[in-house]
PDB file of N, CA and C in Angstrom:
ATOM      1  N   MET A   1       9.162   7.560 -17.764  1.00  0.00           N
ATOM      2  CA  MET A   1       7.908   7.156 -17.160  1.00  0.00           C
ATOM      3  C   MET A   1       7.771   7.832 -15.788  1.00  0.00           C
ATOM      4  N   PRO A   2       6.638   8.441 -15.489  1.00  0.00           N
ATOM      5  CA  PRO A   2       6.481   9.125 -14.201  1.00  0.00           C
ATOM      6  C   PRO A   2       6.373   8.126 -13.045  1.00  0.00           C
ATOM      7  N   ARG A   3       6.779   8.569 -11.879  1.00  0.00           N
ATOM      8  CA  ARG A   3       6.695   7.722 -10.687  1.00  0.00           C
ATOM      9  C   ARG A   3       5.271   7.692 -10.163  1.00  0.00           C
ATOM     10  N   ILE A   4       4.952   6.579  -9.514  1.00  0.00           N
ATOM     11  CA  ILE A   4       3.645   6.370  -8.899  1.00  0.00           C
ATOM     12  C   ILE A   4       3.866   5.958  -7.456  1.00  0.00           C
ATOM     13  N   VAL A   5       3.104   6.543  -6.554  1.00  0.00           N
ATOM     14  CA  VAL A   5       3.083   6.123  -5.158  1.00  0.00           C
ATOM     15  C   VAL A   5       1.865   5.220  -5.012  1.00  0.00           C
ATOM     16  N   TYR A   6       2.039   4.099  -4.315  1.00  0.00           N
ATOM     17  CA  TYR A   6       0.948   3.136  -4.207  1.00  0.00           C
ATOM     18  C   TYR A   6       0.774   2.648  -2.773  1.00  0.00           C
ATOM     19  N   LEU A   7      -0.458   2.284  -2.455  1.00  0.00           N
ATOM     20  CA  LEU A   7      -0.813   1.783  -1.130  1.00  0.00           C
ATOM     21  C   LEU A   7      -1.366   0.373  -1.291  1.00  0.00           C
ATOM     22  N   ILE A   8      -0.801  -0.561  -0.547  1.00  0.00           N
ATOM     23  CA  ILE A   8      -1.265  -1.943  -0.537  1.00  0.00           C
ATOM     24  C   ILE A   8      -1.966  -2.205   0.785  1.00  0.00           C
ATOM     25  N   HIS A   9      -3.145  -2.789   0.704  1.00  0.00           N
ATOM     26  CA  HIS A   9      -3.942  -3.153   1.879  1.00  0.00           C
ATOM     27  C   HIS A   9      -3.758  -4.648   2.136  1.00  0.00           C
ATOM     28  N   LEU A  10      -3.391  -5.009   3.363  1.00  0.00           N
ATOM     29  CA  LEU A  10      -3.268  -6.417   3.753  1.00  0.00           C
ATOM     30  C   LEU A  10      -4.630  -6.888   4.258  1.00  0.00           C
ATOM     31  N   ASP A  11      -5.080  -8.044   3.801  1.00  0.00           N
ATOM     32  CA  ASP A  11      -6.393  -8.539   4.199  1.00  0.00           C
ATOM     33  C   ASP A  11      -6.445  -8.948   5.667  1.00  0.00           C
ATOM     34  N   ARG A  12      -5.290  -9.255   6.246  1.00  0.00           N
ATOM     35  CA  ARG A  12      -5.199  -9.406   7.699  1.00  0.00           C
ATOM     36  C   ARG A  12      -3.831  -8.875   8.112  1.00  0.00           C
ATOM     37  N   PRO A  13      -3.707  -8.413   9.346  1.00  0.00           N
ATOM     38  CA  PRO A  13      -2.465  -7.742   9.745  1.00  0.00           C
ATOM     39  C   PRO A  13      -1.253  -8.683   9.796  1.00  0.00           C
ATOM     40  N   LEU A  14      -0.115  -8.098   9.553  1.00  0.00           N
ATOM     41  CA  LEU A  14       1.172  -8.739   9.815  1.00  0.00           C
ATOM     42  C   LEU A  14       1.717  -8.004  11.023  1.00  0.00           C
ATOM     43  N   ALA A  15       1.691  -8.674  12.181  1.00  0.00           N
ATOM     44  CA  ALA A  15       1.978  -8.002  13.451  1.00  0.00           C
ATOM     45  C   ALA A  15       1.015  -6.822  13.571  1.00  0.00           C
ATOM     46  N   HIS A  16       1.510  -5.603  13.580  1.00  0.00           N
ATOM     47  CA  HIS A  16       0.631  -4.428  13.690  1.00  0.00           C
ATOM     48  C   HIS A  16       0.323  -3.799  12.329  1.00  0.00           C
ATOM     49  N   ALA A  17       1.017  -4.232  11.289  1.00  0.00           N
ATOM     50  CA  ALA A  17       0.912  -3.575   9.980  1.00  0.00           C
ATOM     51  C   ALA A  17      -0.312  -4.050   9.198  1.00  0.00           C
ATOM     52  N   ARG A  18      -1.043  -3.095   8.628  1.00  0.00           N
ATOM     53  CA  ARG A  18      -2.191  -3.394   7.761  1.00  0.00           C
ATOM     54  C   ARG A  18      -1.981  -2.878   6.341  1.00  0.00           C
ATOM     55  N   HIS A  19      -0.916  -2.067   6.147  1.00  0.00           N
ATOM     56  CA  HIS A  19      -0.694  -1.430   4.847  1.00  0.00           C
ATOM     57  C   HIS A  19       0.793  -1.375   4.515  1.00  0.00           C
ATOM     58  N   TYR A  20       1.054  -1.256   3.221  1.00  0.00           N
ATOM     59  CA  TYR A  20       2.403  -1.024   2.726  1.00  0.00           C
ATOM     60  C   TYR A  20       2.318   0.128   1.743  1.00  0.00           C
ATOM     61  N   LEU A  21       3.185   1.091   1.890  1.00  0.00           N
ATOM     62  CA  LEU A  21       3.225   2.260   1.012  1.00  0.00           C
ATOM     63  C   LEU A  21       4.567   2.275   0.300  1.00  0.00           C
ATOM     64  N   GLY A  22       4.543   2.385  -1.018  1.00  0.00           N
ATOM     65  CA  GLY A  22       5.772   2.395  -1.788  1.00  0.00           C
ATOM     66  C   GLY A  22       5.649   3.283  -3.006  1.00  0.00           C
ATOM     67  N   SER A  23       6.739   3.359  -3.783  1.00  0.00           N
ATOM     68  CA  SER A  23       6.708   4.129  -5.033  1.00  0.00           C
ATOM     69  C   SER A  23       7.538   3.389  -6.069  1.00  0.00           C
ATOM     70  N   THR A  24       7.203   3.639  -7.320  1.00  0.00           N
ATOM     71  CA  THR A  24       7.876   2.958  -8.415  1.00  0.00           C
ATOM     72  C   THR A  24       7.674   3.734  -9.706  1.00  0.00           C
ATOM     73  N   ASP A  25       8.486   3.400 -10.696  1.00  0.00           N
ATOM     74  CA  ASP A  25       8.258   3.966 -12.023  1.00  0.00           C
ATOM     75  C   ASP A  25       7.626   2.923 -12.950  1.00  0.00           C
ATOM     76  N   ASP A  26       7.386   1.708 -12.421  1.00  0.00           N
ATOM     77  CA  ASP A  26       6.740   0.645 -13.184  1.00  0.00           C
ATOM     78  C   ASP A  26       5.856  -0.162 -12.224  1.00  0.00           C
ATOM     79  N   LEU A  27       4.623   0.253 -12.067  1.00  0.00           N
ATOM     80  CA  LEU A  27       3.731  -0.344 -11.075  1.00  0.00           C
ATOM     81  C   LEU A  27       3.479  -1.828 -11.349  1.00  0.00           C
ATOM     82  N   GLU A  28       3.236  -2.191 -12.587  1.00  0.00           N
ATOM     83  CA  GLU A  28       2.957  -3.590 -12.902  1.00  0.00           C
ATOM     84  C   GLU A  28       4.130  -4.494 -12.508  1.00  0.00           C
ATOM     85  N   ARG A  29       5.347  -4.066 -12.848  1.00  0.00           N
ATOM     86  CA  ARG A  29       6.541  -4.842 -12.489  1.00  0.00           C
ATOM     87  C   ARG A  29       6.685  -4.954 -10.975  1.00  0.00           C
ATOM     88  N   ARG A  30       6.491  -3.831 -10.292  1.00  0.00           N
ATOM     89  CA  ARG A  30       6.668  -3.802  -8.838  1.00  0.00           C
ATOM     90  C   ARG A  30       5.644  -4.684  -8.130  1.00  0.00           C
ATOM     91  N   LEU A  31       4.390  -4.642  -8.568  1.00  0.00           N
ATOM     92  CA  LEU A  31       3.374  -5.501  -7.964  1.00  0.00           C
ATOM     93  C   LEU A  31       3.696  -6.977  -8.208  1.00  0.00           C
ATOM     94  N   HIS A  32       4.212  -7.279  -9.385  1.00  0.00           N
ATOM     95  CA  HIS A  32       4.626  -8.656  -9.676  1.00  0.00           C
ATOM     96  C   HIS A  32       5.755  -9.083  -8.729  1.00  0.00           C
ATOM     97  N   GLU A  33       6.711  -8.197  -8.499  1.00  0.00           N
ATOM     98  CA  GLU A  33       7.789  -8.503  -7.549  1.00  0.00           C
ATOM     99  C   GLU A  33       7.216  -8.785  -6.169  1.00  0.00           C
ATOM    100  N   HIS A  34       6.272  -7.962  -5.739  1.00  0.00           N
ATOM    101  CA  HIS A  34       5.654  -8.173  -4.424  1.00  0.00           C
ATOM    102  C   HIS A  34       4.902  -9.508  -4.381  1.00  0.00           C
ATOM    103  N   GLU A  35       4.202  -9.847  -5.445  1.00  0.00           N
ATOM    104  CA  GLU A  35       3.483 -11.129  -5.504  1.00  0.00           C
ATOM    105  C   GLU A  35       4.436 -12.305  -5.363  1.00  0.00           C
ATOM    106  N   GLN A  36       5.649 -12.155  -5.883  1.00  0.00           N
ATOM    107  CA  GLN A  36       6.659 -13.208  -5.812  1.00  0.00           C
ATOM    108  C   GLN A  36       7.394 -13.226  -4.472  1.00  0.00           C
ATOM    109  N   GLY A  37       7.087 -12.263  -3.594  1.00  0.00           N
ATOM    110  CA  GLY A  37       7.769 -12.187  -2.299  1.00  0.00           C
ATOM    111  C   GLY A  37       9.100 -11.469  -2.377  1.00  0.00           C
ATOM    112  N   ASN A  38       9.294 -10.678  -3.436  1.00  0.00           N
ATOM    113  CA  ASN A  38      10.529  -9.908  -3.621  1.00  0.00           C
ATOM    114  C   ASN A  38      10.202  -8.424  -3.562  1.00  0.00           C
ATOM    115  N   GLY A  39      11.216  -7.625  -3.413  1.00  0.00           N
ATOM    116  CA  GLY A  39      11.020  -6.185  -3.538  1.00  0.00           C
ATOM    117  C   GLY A  39      10.993  -5.431  -2.232  1.00  0.00           C
ATOM    118  N   SER A  40      10.454  -6.029  -1.180  1.00  0.00           N
ATOM    119  CA  SER A  40      10.492  -5.373   0.128  1.00  0.00           C
ATOM    120  C   SER A  40      10.465  -6.454   1.206  1.00  0.00           C
ATOM    121  N   LYS A  41      11.147  -6.195   2.308  1.00  0.00           N
ATOM    122  CA  LYS A  41      11.187  -7.168   3.404  1.00  0.00           C
ATOM    123  C   LYS A  41       9.799  -7.415   3.971  1.00  0.00           C
ATOM    124  N   MET A  42       9.017  -6.350   4.098  1.00  0.00           N
ATOM    125  CA  MET A  42       7.687  -6.499   4.687  1.00  0.00           C
ATOM    126  C   MET A  42       6.792  -7.386   3.822  1.00  0.00           C
ATOM    127  N   LEU A  43       6.743  -7.118   2.519  1.00  0.00           N
ATOM    128  CA  LEU A  43       5.872  -7.915   1.669  1.00  0.00           C
ATOM    129  C   LEU A  43       6.422  -9.323   1.441  1.00  0.00           C
ATOM    130  N   ALA A  44       7.716  -9.515   1.624  1.00  0.00           N
ATOM    131  CA  ALA A  44       8.257 -10.872   1.610  1.00  0.00           C
ATOM    132  C   ALA A  44       7.718 -11.637   2.827  1.00  0.00           C
ATOM    133  N   ALA A  45       7.671 -10.989   3.981  1.00  0.00           N
ATOM    134  CA  ALA A  45       7.116 -11.613   5.188  1.00  0.00           C
ATOM    135  C   ALA A  45       5.622 -11.872   5.021  1.00  0.00           C
ATOM    136  N   VAL A  46       4.921 -10.952   4.361  1.00  0.00           N
ATOM    137  CA  VAL A  46       3.497 -11.132   4.081  1.00  0.00           C
ATOM    138  C   VAL A  46       3.300 -12.371   3.205  1.00  0.00           C
ATOM    139  N   ALA A  47       4.132 -12.530   2.191  1.00  0.00           N
ATOM    140  CA  ALA A  47       4.039 -13.693   1.297  1.00  0.00           C
ATOM    141  C   ALA A  47       4.314 -14.986   2.063  1.00  0.00           C
ATOM    142  N   ARG A  48       5.345 -14.983   2.912  1.00  0.00           N
ATOM    143  CA  ARG A  48       5.669 -16.189   3.697  1.00  0.00           C
ATOM    144  C   ARG A  48       4.527 -16.555   4.637  1.00  0.00           C
ATOM    145  N   ALA A  49       3.835 -15.535   5.171  1.00  0.00           N
ATOM    146  CA  ALA A  49       2.717 -15.769   6.094  1.00  0.00           C
ATOM    147  C   ALA A  49       1.425 -16.128   5.350  1.00  0.00           C
ATOM    148  N   GLY A  50       1.445 -16.030   4.022  1.00  0.00           N
ATOM    149  CA  GLY A  50       0.262 -16.365   3.244  1.00  0.00           C
ATOM    150  C   GLY A  50      -0.870 -15.360   3.389  1.00  0.00           C
ATOM    151  N   ILE A  51      -0.518 -14.115   3.659  1.00  0.00           N
ATOM    152  CA  ILE A  51      -1.532 -13.073   3.836  1.00  0.00           C
ATOM    153  C   ILE A  51      -1.892 -12.475   2.482  1.00  0.00           C
ATOM    154  N   PRO A  52      -3.159 -12.539   2.098  1.00  0.00           N
ATOM    155  CA  PRO A  52      -3.570 -11.901   0.846  1.00  0.00           C
ATOM    156  C   PRO A  52      -3.505 -10.380   0.963  1.00  0.00           C
ATOM    157  N   TRP A  53      -3.227  -9.732  -0.152  1.00  0.00           N
ATOM    158  CA  TRP A  53      -3.198  -8.270  -0.179  1.00  0.00           C
ATOM    159  C   TRP A  53      -3.761  -7.799  -1.508  1.00  0.00           C
ATOM    160  N   ARG A  54      -4.089  -6.508  -1.552  1.00  0.00           N
ATOM    161  CA  ARG A  54      -4.611  -5.923  -2.794  1.00  0.00           C
ATOM    162  C   ARG A  54      -4.169  -4.473  -2.902  1.00  0.00           C
ATOM    163  N   LEU A  55      -4.013  -4.047  -4.120  1.00  0.00           N
ATOM    164  CA  LEU A  55      -3.675  -2.653  -4.377  1.00  0.00           C
ATOM    165  C   LEU A  55      -4.878  -1.817  -3.984  1.00  0.00           C
ATOM    166  N   ALA A  56      -4.667  -0.852  -3.104  1.00  0.00           N
ATOM    167  CA  ALA A  56      -5.775  -0.053  -2.589  1.00  0.00           C
ATOM    168  C   ALA A  56      -5.899   1.293  -3.296  1.00  0.00           C
ATOM    169  N   ARG A  57      -4.752   1.896  -3.631  1.00  0.00           N
ATOM    170  CA  ARG A  57      -4.813   3.266  -4.142  1.00  0.00           C
ATOM    171  C   ARG A  57      -3.475   3.636  -4.759  1.00  0.00           C
ATOM    172  N   THR A  58      -3.513   4.552  -5.710  1.00  0.00           N
ATOM    173  CA  THR A  58      -2.279   5.090  -6.295  1.00  0.00           C
ATOM    174  C   THR A  58      -2.391   6.603  -6.395  1.00  0.00           C
ATOM    175  N   TRP A  59      -1.237   7.243  -6.429  1.00  0.00           N
ATOM    176  CA  TRP A  59      -1.134   8.690  -6.622  1.00  0.00           C
ATOM    177  C   TRP A  59       0.030   8.947  -7.571  1.00  0.00           C
ATOM    178  N   PRO A  60      -0.058   9.951  -8.411  1.00  0.00           N
ATOM    179  CA  PRO A  60       1.145  10.368  -9.128  1.00  0.00           C
ATOM    180  C   PRO A  60       2.063  11.046  -8.110  1.00  0.00           C
ATOM    181  N   GLY A  61       3.326  10.709  -8.125  1.00  0.00           N
ATOM    182  CA  GLY A  61       4.224  11.350  -7.173  1.00  0.00           C
ATOM    183  C   GLY A  61       5.575  10.668  -7.111  1.00  0.00           C
ATOM    184  N   ASP A  62       6.497  11.349  -6.466  1.00  0.00           N
ATOM    185  CA  ASP A  62       7.864  10.865  -6.356  1.00  0.00           C
ATOM    186  C   ASP A  62       8.127  10.328  -4.956  1.00  0.00           C
ATOM    187  N   ARG A  63       9.394  10.027  -4.679  1.00  0.00           N
ATOM    188  CA  ARG A  63       9.747   9.483  -3.356  1.00  0.00           C
ATOM    189  C   ARG A  63       9.487  10.487  -2.240  1.00  0.00           C
ATOM    190  N   ALA A  64       9.577  11.767  -2.547  1.00  0.00           N
ATOM    191  CA  ALA A  64       9.268  12.781  -1.529  1.00  0.00           C
ATOM    192  C   ALA A  64       7.796  12.693  -1.128  1.00  0.00           C
ATOM    193  N   TRP A  65       6.920  12.484  -2.109  1.00  0.00           N
ATOM    194  CA  TRP A  65       5.484  12.335  -1.811  1.00  0.00           C
ATOM    195  C   TRP A  65       5.254  11.046  -1.009  1.00  0.00           C
ATOM    196  N   GLU A  66       5.962   9.980  -1.366  1.00  0.00           N
ATOM    197  CA  GLU A  66       5.868   8.725  -0.604  1.00  0.00           C
ATOM    198  C   GLU A  66       6.262   8.963   0.856  1.00  0.00           C
ATOM    199  N   ARG A  67       7.396   9.641   1.079  1.00  0.00           N
ATOM    200  CA  ARG A  67       7.841   9.918   2.451  1.00  0.00           C
ATOM    201  C   ARG A  67       6.837  10.783   3.196  1.00  0.00           C
ATOM    202  N   ARG A  68       6.257  11.751   2.507  1.00  0.00           N
ATOM    203  CA  ARG A  68       5.251  12.614   3.147  1.00  0.00           C
ATOM    204  C   ARG A  68       4.036  11.793   3.596  1.00  0.00           C
ATOM    205  N   LEU A  69       3.576  10.893   2.746  1.00  0.00           N
ATOM    206  CA  LEU A  69       2.441  10.048   3.116  1.00  0.00           C
ATOM    207  C   LEU A  69       2.811   9.100   4.254  1.00  0.00           C
ATOM    208  N   LYS A  70       4.047   8.595   4.260  1.00  0.00           N
ATOM    209  CA  LYS A  70       4.479   7.717   5.349  1.00  0.00           C
ATOM    210  C   LYS A  70       4.529   8.483   6.678  1.00  0.00           C
ATOM    211  N   ARG A  71       4.972   9.724   6.640  1.00  0.00           N
ATOM    212  CA  ARG A  71       5.002  10.537   7.858  1.00  0.00           C
ATOM    213  C   ARG A  71       3.598  10.852   8.366  1.00  0.00           C
ATOM    214  N   TYR A  72       2.615  10.831   7.485  1.00  0.00           N
ATOM    215  CA  TYR A  72       1.230  11.087   7.861  1.00  0.00           C
ATOM    216  C   TYR A  72       0.761  10.073   8.901  1.00  0.00           C
ATOM    217  N   LYS A  73       1.279   8.850   8.839  1.00  0.00           N
ATOM    218  CA  LYS A  73       1.042   7.792   9.825  1.00  0.00           C
ATOM    219  C   LYS A  73      -0.435   7.439  10.006  1.00  0.00           C
ATOM    220  N   LYS A  74      -1.249   7.730   9.037  1.00  0.00           N
ATOM    221  CA  LYS A  74      -2.663   7.379   9.121  1.00  0.00           C
ATOM    222  C   LYS A  74      -3.097   6.698   7.828  1.00  0.00           C
ATOM    223  N   SER A  75      -2.352   5.666   7.454  1.00  0.00           N
ATOM    224  CA  SER A  75      -2.643   5.009   6.183  1.00  0.00           C
ATOM    225  C   SER A  75      -4.058   4.449   6.143  1.00  0.00           C
ATOM    226  N   LYS A  76      -4.625   4.166   7.308  1.00  0.00           N
ATOM    227  CA  LYS A  76      -6.003   3.676   7.350  1.00  0.00           C
ATOM    228  C   LYS A  76      -6.960   4.699   6.731  1.00  0.00           C
ATOM    229  N   ARG A  77      -6.693   5.975   6.941  1.00  0.00           N
ATOM    230  CA  ARG A  77      -7.545   7.014   6.361  1.00  0.00           C
ATOM    231  C   ARG A  77      -7.315   7.176   4.864  1.00  0.00           C
ATOM    232  N   LEU A  78      -6.169   6.748   4.385  1.00  0.00           N
ATOM    233  CA  LEU A  78      -5.863   6.830   2.958  1.00  0.00           C
ATOM    234  C   LEU A  78      -6.420   5.634   2.188  1.00  0.00           C
ATOM    235  N   CYS A  79      -6.747   4.562   2.904  1.00  0.00           N
ATOM    236  CA  CYS A  79      -7.154   3.306   2.281  1.00  0.00           C
ATOM    237  C   CYS A  79      -8.670   3.251   2.077  1.00  0.00           C
ATOM    238  N   PRO A  80      -9.130   3.096   0.843  1.00  0.00           N
ATOM    239  CA  PRO A  80     -10.570   3.016   0.606  1.00  0.00           C
ATOM    240  C   PRO A  80     -11.205   1.768   1.217  1.00  0.00           C
ATOM    241  N   PHE A  81     -10.436   0.700   1.425  1.00  0.00           N
ATOM    242  CA  PHE A  81     -10.995  -0.507   2.037  1.00  0.00           C
ATOM    243  C   PHE A  81     -11.212  -0.326   3.534  1.00  0.00           C
ATOM    244  N   CYS A  82     -10.393   0.498   4.174  1.00  0.00           N
ATOM    245  CA  CYS A  82     -10.500   0.726   5.618  1.00  0.00           C
ATOM    246  C   CYS A  82     -11.385   1.919   5.957  1.00  0.00           C
ATOM    247  N   SER A  83     -11.393   2.932   5.096  1.00  0.00           N
ATOM    248  CA  SER A  83     -12.055   4.177   5.458  1.00  0.00           C
ATOM    249  C   SER A  83     -13.491   4.281   4.977  1.00  0.00           C
ATOM    250  N   ALA A  84     -13.998   3.283   4.269  1.00  0.00           N
ATOM    251  CA  ALA A  84     -15.392   3.341   3.820  1.00  0.00           C
ATOM    252  C   ALA A  84     -16.291   3.297   5.044  1.00  0.00           C
ATOM    253  N   GLY A  85     -17.163   4.250   5.143  1.00  0.00           N
ATOM    254  CA  GLY A  85     -18.101   4.311   6.261  1.00  0.00           C
ATOM    255  C   GLY A  85     -19.309   3.438   6.000  1.00  0.00           C
ATOM    256  N   ALA A  86     -20.314   3.610   6.783  1.00  0.00           N
ATOM    257  CA  ALA A  86     -21.531   2.815   6.677  1.00  0.00           C
ATOM    258  C   ALA A  86     -22.175   2.961   5.300  1.00  0.00           C
ATOM    259  N   HIS A  87     -21.953   4.102   4.650  1.00  0.00           N
ATOM    260  CA  HIS A  87     -22.550   4.348   3.340  1.00  0.00           C
ATOM    261  C   HIS A  87     -21.554   4.163   2.208  1.00  0.00           C
ATOM    262  N   GLY A  88     -20.368   3.610   2.526  1.00  0.00           N
ATOM    263  CA  GLY A  88     -19.384   3.343   1.493  1.00  0.00           C
ATOM    264  C   GLY A  88     -18.615   4.563   1.021  1.00  0.00           C
ATOM    265  N   ARG A  89     -18.710   5.670   1.718  1.00  0.00           N
ATOM    266  CA  ARG A  89     -17.965   6.882   1.329  1.00  0.00           C
ATOM    267  C   ARG A  89     -16.568   6.849   1.929  1.00  0.00           C
ATOM    268  N   MET A  90     -15.619   7.347   1.175  1.00  0.00           N
ATOM    269  CA  MET A  90     -14.255   7.388   1.664  1.00  0.00           C
ATOM    270  C   MET A  90     -14.020   8.673   2.424  1.00  0.00           C
ATOM    271  N   GLN A  91     -13.365   8.559   3.585  1.00  0.00           N
ATOM    272  CA  GLN A  91     -13.029   9.736   4.373  1.00  0.00           C
ATOM    273  C   GLN A  91     -11.862  10.449   3.714  1.00  0.00           C
ATOM    274  N   LYS A  92     -11.831  11.749   3.856  1.00  0.00           N
ATOM    275  CA  LYS A  92     -10.707  12.532   3.332  1.00  0.00           C
ATOM    276  C   LYS A  92      -9.590  12.556   4.357  1.00  0.00           C
ATOM    277  N   PRO A  93      -8.312  12.478   3.906  1.00  0.00           N
ATOM    278  CA  PRO A  93      -7.198  12.528   4.864  1.00  0.00           C
ATOM    279  C   PRO A  93      -7.063  13.898   5.471  1.00  0.00           C
TER     280      PRO A  93
END
């Protein structure tokens, strides 16, 4: 099964964080783990804080692509929920 890189948008910030970027070879399983508060320390804290989140975007890619997107440090521009302008268009990264 090919790997998928995914971006999760937090409906309200956890400290300064508004997004979580990860990768998996089974997206459905991984999202279920996150919903249960397992799988990553950050999303476990999000679950404890009762912060709603939603899957914002996915890309085909491996861990190298995940690291590249993390180094980009502009996840807000990658997120369709954050980057929609007045006319609902998504900005390009």
